[in-house]
Amino acid sequence: MAKKKEISVEEKLRALYDLQLIDSRIDEIRNVRGELPLEVEDLEDEVAGLNTRIANLNQDAVNLETDINNKKLAIEESNGLMKKYDEQQKKVRNNREFDSLSKEIEYQDLEIQLAEKRIIEYKAKIAQKKEVIDATKEKLAKQEKHLSHKKAELDAILKETEKEEELLAQKSDEFSQTLDAHLFAAYTRIRTKVKNGLAVVAIERGASGGSYFTIPPQVQLEIANRKKITIDEHSGRILVDAALAEEEKLKMEKFFS
């Protein structure tokens, strides 16, 4: 396997800062998307849940209609039995048989009353479920519209940034390949730990970028000489001098445009 070409410390610092600028640009693009992908996902789940709820409520209403029909059949059956018992009463030979048939008629009459009561209850439940279905459909229509807008918003952002992000990701990979494995691992480790993913920063007004701790003049001089890689003892970031940072920013701005 071909040995990776040895590069100077300055070249490493430039590559690190370029890599940081590219990765920061990727972060910006992802921040523009922000919570949109999660919002779309949540809305899709909610819409699916509302559709399931409507389907379940409709099935409940169908089941209740079946129960009503069954009760109506039971009423018909009881009416038929009452008619039969009434006819039998006309042919009885003693009071005991008459009383027995009277109790059967009374029992069937109670069954009819109970069935009619249940039918009223089932109809009330169906009406209640239909109200919930209508309210749920209204909410569903609102959330589907909201989802459509959010999807369109996300699609527009993706369309605008997808190619740029893809190109930047390729460039990030290219720059990472120019660094030795230990240095790239250090950069990645710092980037995941620090605020805003800034692992490499320039010295600004005698302090590490984004920090208020002044860097001693001797250390600033060493950084400006670009002979070694310096880690800020306060922020844990890799430091570069302002002149190098400005040169690389101008170079990368042309690439970004």
C-alpha atoms as a PDB file:
ATOM      1  CA  MET A   1       0.000   0.000   0.000  1.00  0.00           C
ATOM      2  CA  ALA A   2       1.325   3.452  -0.906  1.00  0.00           C
ATOM      3  CA  LYS A   3       2.596   5.454   2.051  1.00  0.00           C
ATOM      4  CA  LYS A   4       0.660   8.669   2.701  1.00  0.00           C
ATOM      5  CA  LYS A   5       2.693  11.723   1.681  1.00  0.00           C
ATOM      6  CA  GLU A   6       4.153  13.519   4.694  1.00  0.00           C
ATOM      7  CA  ILE A   7       2.845  17.077   4.986  1.00  0.00           C
ATOM      8  CA  SER A   8       4.133  19.980   7.053  1.00  0.00           C
ATOM      9  CA  VAL A   9       2.504  21.197  10.275  1.00  0.00           C
ATOM     10  CA  GLU A  10       1.303  24.327   8.462  1.00  0.00           C
ATOM     11  CA  GLU A  11      -0.336  22.203   5.773  1.00  0.00           C
ATOM     12  CA  LYS A  12      -1.971  20.133   8.515  1.00  0.00           C
ATOM     13  CA  LEU A  13      -3.261  23.289  10.206  1.00  0.00           C
ATOM     14  CA  ARG A  14      -4.647  24.587   6.914  1.00  0.00           C
ATOM     15  CA  ALA A  15      -6.274  21.227   6.174  1.00  0.00           C
ATOM     16  CA  LEU A  16      -7.749  21.137   9.690  1.00  0.00           C
ATOM     17  CA  TYR A  17      -9.155  24.656   9.400  1.00  0.00           C
ATOM     18  CA  ASP A  18     -10.545  23.948   5.905  1.00  0.00           C
ATOM     19  CA  LEU A  19     -12.126  20.765   7.241  1.00  0.00           C
ATOM     20  CA  GLN A  20     -13.642  22.783  10.097  1.00  0.00           C
ATOM     21  CA  LEU A  21     -15.068  25.384   7.678  1.00  0.00           C
ATOM     22  CA  ILE A  22     -16.613  22.637   5.514  1.00  0.00           C
ATOM     23  CA  ASP A  23     -18.066  20.745   8.487  1.00  0.00           C
ATOM     24  CA  SER A  24     -19.427  24.011   9.948  1.00  0.00           C
ATOM     25  CA  ARG A  25     -21.122  24.736   6.614  1.00  0.00           C
ATOM     26  CA  ILE A  26     -22.700  21.253   6.696  1.00  0.00           C
ATOM     27  CA  ASP A  27     -23.872  22.009  10.271  1.00  0.00           C
ATOM     28  CA  GLU A  28     -25.449  25.274   9.039  1.00  0.00           C
ATOM     29  CA  ILE A  29     -27.348  23.430   6.298  1.00  0.00           C
ATOM     30  CA  ARG A  30     -28.617  20.867   8.804  1.00  0.00           C
ATOM     31  CA  ASN A  31     -29.593  23.634  11.221  1.00  0.00           C
ATOM     32  CA  VAL A  32     -31.709  25.241   8.472  1.00  0.00           C
ATOM     33  CA  ARG A  33     -33.637  21.957   8.291  1.00  0.00           C
ATOM     34  CA  GLY A  34     -33.699  22.036  12.081  1.00  0.00           C
ATOM     35  CA  GLU A  35     -36.562  20.084  13.594  1.00  0.00           C
ATOM     36  CA  LEU A  36     -38.476  19.864  10.293  1.00  0.00           C
ATOM     37  CA  PRO A  37     -37.742  16.164   9.580  1.00  0.00           C
ATOM     38  CA  LEU A  38     -38.863  15.251  13.126  1.00  0.00           C
ATOM     39  CA  GLU A  39     -41.949  17.493  12.833  1.00  0.00           C
ATOM     40  CA  VAL A  40     -42.890  15.761   9.549  1.00  0.00           C
ATOM     41  CA  GLU A  41     -42.347  12.340  11.145  1.00  0.00           C
ATOM     42  CA  ASP A  42     -44.477  13.266  14.184  1.00  0.00           C
ATOM     43  CA  LEU A  43     -47.261  14.618  11.954  1.00  0.00           C
ATOM     44  CA  GLU A  44     -47.177  11.449   9.810  1.00  0.00           C
ATOM     45  CA  ASP A  45     -47.521   9.347  12.981  1.00  0.00           C
ATOM     46  CA  GLU A  46     -50.383  11.538  14.209  1.00  0.00           C
ATOM     47  CA  VAL A  47     -52.223  11.331  10.853  1.00  0.00           C
ATOM     48  CA  ALA A  48     -51.798   7.538  10.837  1.00  0.00           C
ATOM     49  CA  GLY A  49     -53.099   7.415  14.432  1.00  0.00           C
ATOM     50  CA  LEU A  50     -56.152   9.541  13.579  1.00  0.00           C
ATOM     51  CA  ASN A  51     -56.947   7.338  10.571  1.00  0.00           C
ATOM     52  CA  THR A  52     -56.703   4.240  12.786  1.00  0.00           C
ATOM     53  CA  ARG A  53     -58.966   5.871  15.374  1.00  0.00           C
ATOM     54  CA  ILE A  54     -61.591   6.720  12.724  1.00  0.00           C
ATOM     55  CA  ALA A  55     -61.447   3.139  11.368  1.00  0.00           C
ATOM     56  CA  ASN A  56     -61.883   1.721  14.906  1.00  0.00           C
ATOM     57  CA  LEU A  57     -64.795   4.071  15.677  1.00  0.00           C
ATOM     58  CA  ASN A  58     -66.489   3.157  12.396  1.00  0.00           C
ATOM     59  CA  GLN A  59     -66.077  -0.537  13.235  1.00  0.00           C
ATOM     60  CA  ASP A  60     -67.558   0.086  16.700  1.00  0.00           C
ATOM     61  CA  ALA A  61     -70.581   1.764  15.045  1.00  0.00           C
ATOM     62  CA  VAL A  62     -70.974  -1.202  12.652  1.00  0.00           C
ATOM     63  CA  ASN A  63     -70.825  -3.620  15.623  1.00  0.00           C
ATOM     64  CA  LEU A  64     -73.483  -1.588  17.442  1.00  0.00           C
ATOM     65  CA  GLU A  65     -75.726  -1.661  14.339  1.00  0.00           C
ATOM     66  CA  THR A  66     -75.332  -5.460  14.349  1.00  0.00           C
ATOM     67  CA  ASP A  67     -76.300  -5.520  18.050  1.00  0.00           C
ATOM     68  CA  ILE A  68     -79.408  -3.405  17.251  1.00  0.00           C
ATOM     69  CA  ASN A  69     -80.442  -5.809  14.481  1.00  0.00           C
ATOM     70  CA  ASN A  70     -79.949  -8.767  16.838  1.00  0.00           C
ATOM     71  CA  LYS A  71     -82.150  -7.087  19.465  1.00  0.00           C
ATOM     72  CA  LYS A  72     -84.821  -6.423  16.805  1.00  0.00           C
ATOM     73  CA  LEU A  73     -84.760 -10.117  15.851  1.00  0.00           C
ATOM     74  CA  ALA A  74     -85.054 -11.005  19.561  1.00  0.00           C
ATOM     75  CA  ILE A  75     -88.107  -8.699  19.832  1.00  0.00           C
ATOM     76  CA  GLU A  76     -89.703 -10.395  16.803  1.00  0.00           C
ATOM     77  CA  GLU A  77     -89.018 -13.772  18.371  1.00  0.00           C
ATOM     78  CA  SER A  78     -90.523 -12.675  21.713  1.00  0.00           C
ATOM     79  CA  ASN A  79     -93.584 -11.254  19.941  1.00  0.00           C
ATOM     80  CA  GLY A  80     -93.998 -14.555  18.128  1.00  0.00           C
ATOM     81  CA  LEU A  81     -93.767 -16.504  21.395  1.00  0.00           C
ATOM     82  CA  MET A  82     -96.243 -14.163  23.112  1.00  0.00           C
ATOM     83  CA  LYS A  83     -98.731 -14.715  20.287  1.00  0.00           C
ATOM     84  CA  LYS A  84     -98.215 -18.468  20.539  1.00  0.00           C
ATOM     85  CA  TYR A  85     -98.668 -18.473  24.328  1.00  0.00           C
ATOM     86  CA  ASP A  86    -101.745 -16.250  24.002  1.00  0.00           C
ATOM     87  CA  GLU A  87    -103.295 -18.775  21.576  1.00  0.00           C
ATOM     88  CA  GLN A  88    -102.382 -21.626  23.945  1.00  0.00           C
ATOM     89  CA  GLN A  89    -104.083 -19.828  26.876  1.00  0.00           C
ATOM     90  CA  LYS A  90    -107.365 -20.029  25.004  1.00  0.00           C
ATOM     91  CA  LYS A  91    -107.122 -23.839  24.978  1.00  0.00           C
ATOM     92  CA  VAL A  92    -105.947 -24.552  28.566  1.00  0.00           C
ATOM     93  CA  ARG A  93    -107.901 -26.882  30.806  1.00  0.00           C
ATOM     94  CA  ASN A  94    -106.890 -25.531  34.226  1.00  0.00           C
ATOM     95  CA  ASN A  95    -105.663 -22.446  36.052  1.00  0.00           C
ATOM     96  CA  ARG A  96    -102.152 -23.870  36.594  1.00  0.00           C
ATOM     97  CA  GLU A  97    -101.520 -24.084  32.832  1.00  0.00           C
ATOM     98  CA  PHE A  98    -103.016 -20.613  32.351  1.00  0.00           C
ATOM     99  CA  ASP A  99    -100.798 -19.108  35.061  1.00  0.00           C
ATOM    100  CA  SER A 100     -97.727 -20.845  33.629  1.00  0.00           C
ATOM    101  CA  LEU A 101     -98.411 -19.389  30.162  1.00  0.00           C
ATOM    102  CA  SER A 102     -99.107 -15.963  31.723  1.00  0.00           C
ATOM    103  CA  LYS A 103     -95.646 -16.040  33.319  1.00  0.00           C
ATOM    104  CA  GLU A 104     -94.088 -16.940  29.943  1.00  0.00           C
ATOM    105  CA  ILE A 105     -95.939 -14.033  28.292  1.00  0.00           C
ATOM    106  CA  GLU A 106     -94.815 -11.692  31.097  1.00  0.00           C
ATOM    107  CA  TYR A 107     -91.218 -12.930  30.731  1.00  0.00           C
ATOM    108  CA  GLN A 108     -91.242 -12.310  26.944  1.00  0.00           C
ATOM    109  CA  ASP A 109     -92.738  -8.859  27.508  1.00  0.00           C
ATOM    110  CA  LEU A 110     -89.859  -8.029  29.892  1.00  0.00           C
ATOM    111  CA  GLU A 111     -87.385  -9.353  27.295  1.00  0.00           C
ATOM    112  CA  ILE A 112     -88.932  -7.010  24.706  1.00  0.00           C
ATOM    113  CA  GLN A 113     -88.715  -4.021  27.089  1.00  0.00           C
ATOM    114  CA  LEU A 114     -85.067  -4.842  27.867  1.00  0.00           C
ATOM    115  CA  ALA A 115     -84.243  -5.248  24.169  1.00  0.00           C
ATOM    116  CA  GLU A 116     -85.925  -1.908  23.355  1.00  0.00           C
ATOM    117  CA  LYS A 117     -83.936  -0.242  26.172  1.00  0.00           C
ATOM    118  CA  ARG A 118     -80.698  -1.709  24.782  1.00  0.00           C
ATOM    119  CA  ILE A 119     -81.592  -0.491  21.257  1.00  0.00           C
ATOM    120  CA  ILE A 120     -82.026   3.067  22.619  1.00  0.00           C
ATOM    121  CA  GLU A 121     -78.646   2.766  24.412  1.00  0.00           C
ATOM    122  CA  TYR A 122     -76.901   1.423  21.287  1.00  0.00           C
ATOM    123  CA  LYS A 123     -78.368   4.204  19.133  1.00  0.00           C
ATOM    124  CA  ALA A 124     -77.128   6.810  21.655  1.00  0.00           C
ATOM    125  CA  LYS A 125     -73.655   5.220  21.537  1.00  0.00           C
ATOM    126  CA  ILE A 126     -73.687   5.287  17.718  1.00  0.00           C
ATOM    127  CA  ALA A 127     -74.666   8.977  17.739  1.00  0.00           C
ATOM    128  CA  GLN A 128     -71.871   9.681  20.256  1.00  0.00           C
ATOM    129  CA  LYS A 129     -69.331   7.784  18.140  1.00  0.00           C
ATOM    130  CA  LYS A 130     -70.420   9.646  15.014  1.00  0.00           C
ATOM    131  CA  GLU A 131     -69.793  12.946  16.834  1.00  0.00           C
ATOM    132  CA  VAL A 132     -66.292  11.763  17.780  1.00  0.00           C
ATOM    133  CA  ILE A 133     -65.725  10.543  14.179  1.00  0.00           C
ATOM    134  CA  ASP A 134     -66.741  13.960  12.797  1.00  0.00           C
ATOM    135  CA  ALA A 135     -64.463  15.783  15.276  1.00  0.00           C
ATOM    136  CA  THR A 136     -61.594  13.382  14.501  1.00  0.00           C
ATOM    137  CA  LYS A 137     -62.104  13.824  10.738  1.00  0.00           C
ATOM    138  CA  GLU A 138     -62.001  17.594  11.223  1.00  0.00           C
ATOM    139  CA  LYS A 139     -58.746  17.292  13.174  1.00  0.00           C
ATOM    140  CA  LEU A 140     -57.374  14.845  10.578  1.00  0.00           C
ATOM    141  CA  ALA A 141     -58.095  17.271   7.710  1.00  0.00           C
ATOM    142  CA  LYS A 142     -56.336  20.050   9.638  1.00  0.00           C
ATOM    143  CA  GLN A 143     -53.279  17.888  10.424  1.00  0.00           C
ATOM    144  CA  GLU A 144     -53.089  16.534   6.839  1.00  0.00           C
ATOM    145  CA  LYS A 145     -53.017  20.123   5.570  1.00  0.00           C
ATOM    146  CA  HIS A 146     -50.352  20.992   8.150  1.00  0.00           C
ATOM    147  CA  LEU A 147     -48.347  17.901   7.137  1.00  0.00           C
ATOM    148  CA  SER A 148     -48.619  18.838   3.458  1.00  0.00           C
ATOM    149  CA  HIS A 149     -47.189  22.319   4.196  1.00  0.00           C
ATOM    150  CA  LYS A 150     -44.376  20.930   6.345  1.00  0.00           C
ATOM    151  CA  LYS A 151     -43.483  18.311   3.703  1.00  0.00           C
ATOM    152  CA  ALA A 152     -43.417  20.994   0.998  1.00  0.00           C
ATOM    153  CA  GLU A 153     -41.218  23.158   3.237  1.00  0.00           C
ATOM    154  CA  LEU A 154     -38.839  20.264   3.917  1.00  0.00           C
ATOM    155  CA  ASP A 155     -38.775  19.206   0.246  1.00  0.00           C
ATOM    156  CA  ALA A 156     -37.907  22.772  -0.793  1.00  0.00           C
ATOM    157  CA  ILE A 157     -35.033  22.924   1.711  1.00  0.00           C
ATOM    158  CA  LEU A 158     -33.799  19.474   0.692  1.00  0.00           C
ATOM    159  CA  LYS A 159     -33.969  20.396  -2.996  1.00  0.00           C
ATOM    160  CA  GLU A 160     -32.015  23.562  -2.299  1.00  0.00           C
ATOM    161  CA  THR A 161     -29.357  22.025  -0.039  1.00  0.00           C
ATOM    162  CA  GLU A 162     -29.096  18.317  -0.918  1.00  0.00           C
ATOM    163  CA  LYS A 163     -26.531  18.735  -3.720  1.00  0.00           C
ATOM    164  CA  GLU A 164     -24.483  21.229  -1.704  1.00  0.00           C
ATOM    165  CA  GLU A 165     -24.472  18.972   1.367  1.00  0.00           C
ATOM    166  CA  GLU A 166     -23.462  15.980  -0.763  1.00  0.00           C
ATOM    167  CA  LEU A 167     -20.598  17.934  -2.357  1.00  0.00           C
ATOM    168  CA  LEU A 168     -19.479  19.279   1.032  1.00  0.00           C
ATOM    169  CA  ALA A 169     -19.571  15.789   2.558  1.00  0.00           C
ATOM    170  CA  GLN A 170     -17.327  14.529  -0.261  1.00  0.00           C
ATOM    171  CA  LYS A 171     -14.962  17.480   0.276  1.00  0.00           C
ATOM    172  CA  SER A 172     -14.952  16.859   4.034  1.00  0.00           C
ATOM    173  CA  ASP A 173     -13.958  13.258   3.365  1.00  0.00           C
ATOM    174  CA  GLU A 174     -11.203  14.398   0.975  1.00  0.00           C
ATOM    175  CA  PHE A 175      -9.718  16.789   3.553  1.00  0.00           C
ATOM    176  CA  SER A 176      -9.932  14.193   6.317  1.00  0.00           C
ATOM    177  CA  GLN A 177      -7.910  11.824   4.098  1.00  0.00           C
ATOM    178  CA  THR A 178      -5.034  14.333   3.989  1.00  0.00           C
ATOM    179  CA  LEU A 179      -4.662  14.116   7.770  1.00  0.00           C
ATOM    180  CA  ASP A 180      -3.079  11.236   9.632  1.00  0.00           C
ATOM    181  CA  ALA A 181      -5.483   8.979  11.514  1.00  0.00           C
ATOM    182  CA  HIS A 182      -4.489  10.238  15.010  1.00  0.00           C
ATOM    183  CA  LEU A 183      -4.948  13.903  14.102  1.00  0.00           C
ATOM    184  CA  PHE A 184      -8.309  13.289  12.427  1.00  0.00           C
ATOM    185  CA  ALA A 185      -9.461  11.209  15.421  1.00  0.00           C
ATOM    186  CA  ALA A 186      -8.452  14.087  17.737  1.00  0.00           C
ATOM    187  CA  TYR A 187     -10.339  16.596  15.552  1.00  0.00           C
ATOM    188  CA  THR A 188     -13.464  14.385  15.562  1.00  0.00           C
ATOM    189  CA  ARG A 189     -13.250  13.844  19.338  1.00  0.00           C
ATOM    190  CA  ILE A 190     -12.920  17.582  20.054  1.00  0.00           C
ATOM    191  CA  ARG A 191     -15.706  18.427  17.578  1.00  0.00           C
ATOM    192  CA  THR A 192     -18.185  16.122  19.310  1.00  0.00           C
ATOM    193  CA  LYS A 193     -17.380  17.566  22.748  1.00  0.00           C
ATOM    194  CA  VAL A 194     -17.291  21.319  22.145  1.00  0.00           C
ATOM    195  CA  LYS A 195     -20.099  23.819  21.602  1.00  0.00           C
ATOM    196  CA  ASN A 196     -21.191  24.388  17.985  1.00  0.00           C
ATOM    197  CA  GLY A 197     -18.890  21.607  16.774  1.00  0.00           C
ATOM    198  CA  LEU A 198     -15.945  24.035  16.540  1.00  0.00           C
ATOM    199  CA  ALA A 199     -12.806  21.953  17.031  1.00  0.00           C
ATOM    200  CA  VAL A 200     -10.451  24.370  15.241  1.00  0.00           C
ATOM    201  CA  VAL A 201     -10.620  28.106  15.987  1.00  0.00           C
ATOM    202  CA  ALA A 202      -8.549  31.185  15.233  1.00  0.00           C
ATOM    203  CA  ILE A 203      -7.054  33.502  17.827  1.00  0.00           C
ATOM    204  CA  GLU A 204      -9.213  36.618  18.141  1.00  0.00           C
ATOM    205  CA  ARG A 205      -7.989  39.637  20.143  1.00  0.00           C
ATOM    206  CA  GLY A 206      -5.430  37.511  21.955  1.00  0.00           C
ATOM    207  CA  ALA A 207      -7.905  34.799  22.995  1.00  0.00           C
ATOM    208  CA  SER A 208      -9.196  31.538  21.564  1.00  0.00           C
ATOM    209  CA  GLY A 209     -12.235  32.154  19.317  1.00  0.00           C
ATOM    210  CA  GLY A 210     -15.351  32.153  21.479  1.00  0.00           C
ATOM    211  CA  SER A 211     -13.286  32.248  24.695  1.00  0.00           C
ATOM    212  CA  TYR A 212     -12.439  35.054  27.128  1.00  0.00           C
ATOM    213  CA  PHE A 213      -9.194  33.496  28.371  1.00  0.00           C
ATOM    214  CA  THR A 214      -6.164  35.383  27.062  1.00  0.00           C
ATOM    215  CA  ILE A 215      -3.431  33.279  25.456  1.00  0.00           C
ATOM    216  CA  PRO A 216       0.110  34.154  26.609  1.00  0.00           C
ATOM    217  CA  PRO A 217       2.138  36.109  23.977  1.00  0.00           C
ATOM    218  CA  GLN A 218       4.760  33.344  23.792  1.00  0.00           C
ATOM    219  CA  VAL A 219       2.070  30.761  22.910  1.00  0.00           C
ATOM    220  CA  GLN A 220       0.559  33.170  20.362  1.00  0.00           C
ATOM    221  CA  LEU A 221       3.981  33.476  18.734  1.00  0.00           C
ATOM    222  CA  GLU A 222       4.357  29.668  18.584  1.00  0.00           C
ATOM    223  CA  ILE A 223       0.912  29.395  16.932  1.00  0.00           C
ATOM    224  CA  ALA A 224       1.844  32.100  14.398  1.00  0.00           C
ATOM    225  CA  ASN A 225       5.056  30.167  13.543  1.00  0.00           C
ATOM    226  CA  ARG A 226       2.906  27.154  12.555  1.00  0.00           C
ATOM    227  CA  LYS A 227       5.548  24.645  13.666  1.00  0.00           C
ATOM    228  CA  LYS A 228       3.368  22.672  16.092  1.00  0.00           C
ATOM    229  CA  ILE A 229      -0.282  21.901  16.739  1.00  0.00           C
ATOM    230  CA  THR A 230      -1.481  23.773  19.824  1.00  0.00           C
ATOM    231  CA  ILE A 231      -4.494  22.862  21.936  1.00  0.00           C
ATOM    232  CA  ASP A 232      -6.116  25.627  23.992  1.00  0.00           C
ATOM    233  CA  GLU A 233      -5.886  24.578  27.638  1.00  0.00           C
ATOM    234  CA  HIS A 234      -9.201  26.259  28.516  1.00  0.00           C
ATOM    235  CA  SER A 235     -11.514  25.285  25.647  1.00  0.00           C
ATOM    236  CA  GLY A 236      -9.715  22.120  24.453  1.00  0.00           C
ATOM    237  CA  ARG A 237      -9.824  23.354  20.837  1.00  0.00           C
ATOM    238  CA  ILE A 238      -7.038  23.332  18.239  1.00  0.00           C
ATOM    239  CA  LEU A 239      -5.734  26.859  17.672  1.00  0.00           C
ATOM    240  CA  VAL A 240      -4.633  28.581  14.453  1.00  0.00           C
ATOM    241  CA  ASP A 241      -3.415  32.138  13.888  1.00  0.00           C
ATOM    242  CA  ALA A 242      -5.778  34.803  12.543  1.00  0.00           C
ATOM    243  CA  ALA A 243      -3.837  35.315   9.292  1.00  0.00           C
ATOM    244  CA  LEU A 244      -4.004  31.615   8.346  1.00  0.00           C
ATOM    245  CA  ALA A 245      -7.706  31.545   9.254  1.00  0.00           C
ATOM    246  CA  GLU A 246      -8.452  34.580   7.070  1.00  0.00           C
ATOM    247  CA  GLU A 247      -6.564  33.087   4.094  1.00  0.00           C
ATOM    248  CA  GLU A 248      -8.435  29.798   4.367  1.00  0.00           C
ATOM    249  CA  LYS A 249     -11.803  31.522   4.830  1.00  0.00           C
ATOM    250  CA  LEU A 250     -11.324  33.481   1.598  1.00  0.00           C
ATOM    251  CA  LYS A 251     -10.277  30.304  -0.218  1.00  0.00           C
ATOM    252  CA  MET A 252     -13.255  28.309   1.083  1.00  0.00           C
ATOM    253  CA  GLU A 253     -15.739  31.129   0.399  1.00  0.00           C
ATOM    254  CA  LYS A 254     -14.884  30.805  -3.292  1.00  0.00           C
ATOM    255  CA  PHE A 255     -15.488  27.075  -3.052  1.00  0.00           C
ATOM    256  CA  PHE A 256     -18.816  27.531  -1.223  1.00  0.00           C
ATOM    257  CA  SER A 257     -20.032  30.050  -3.804  1.00  0.00           C
END
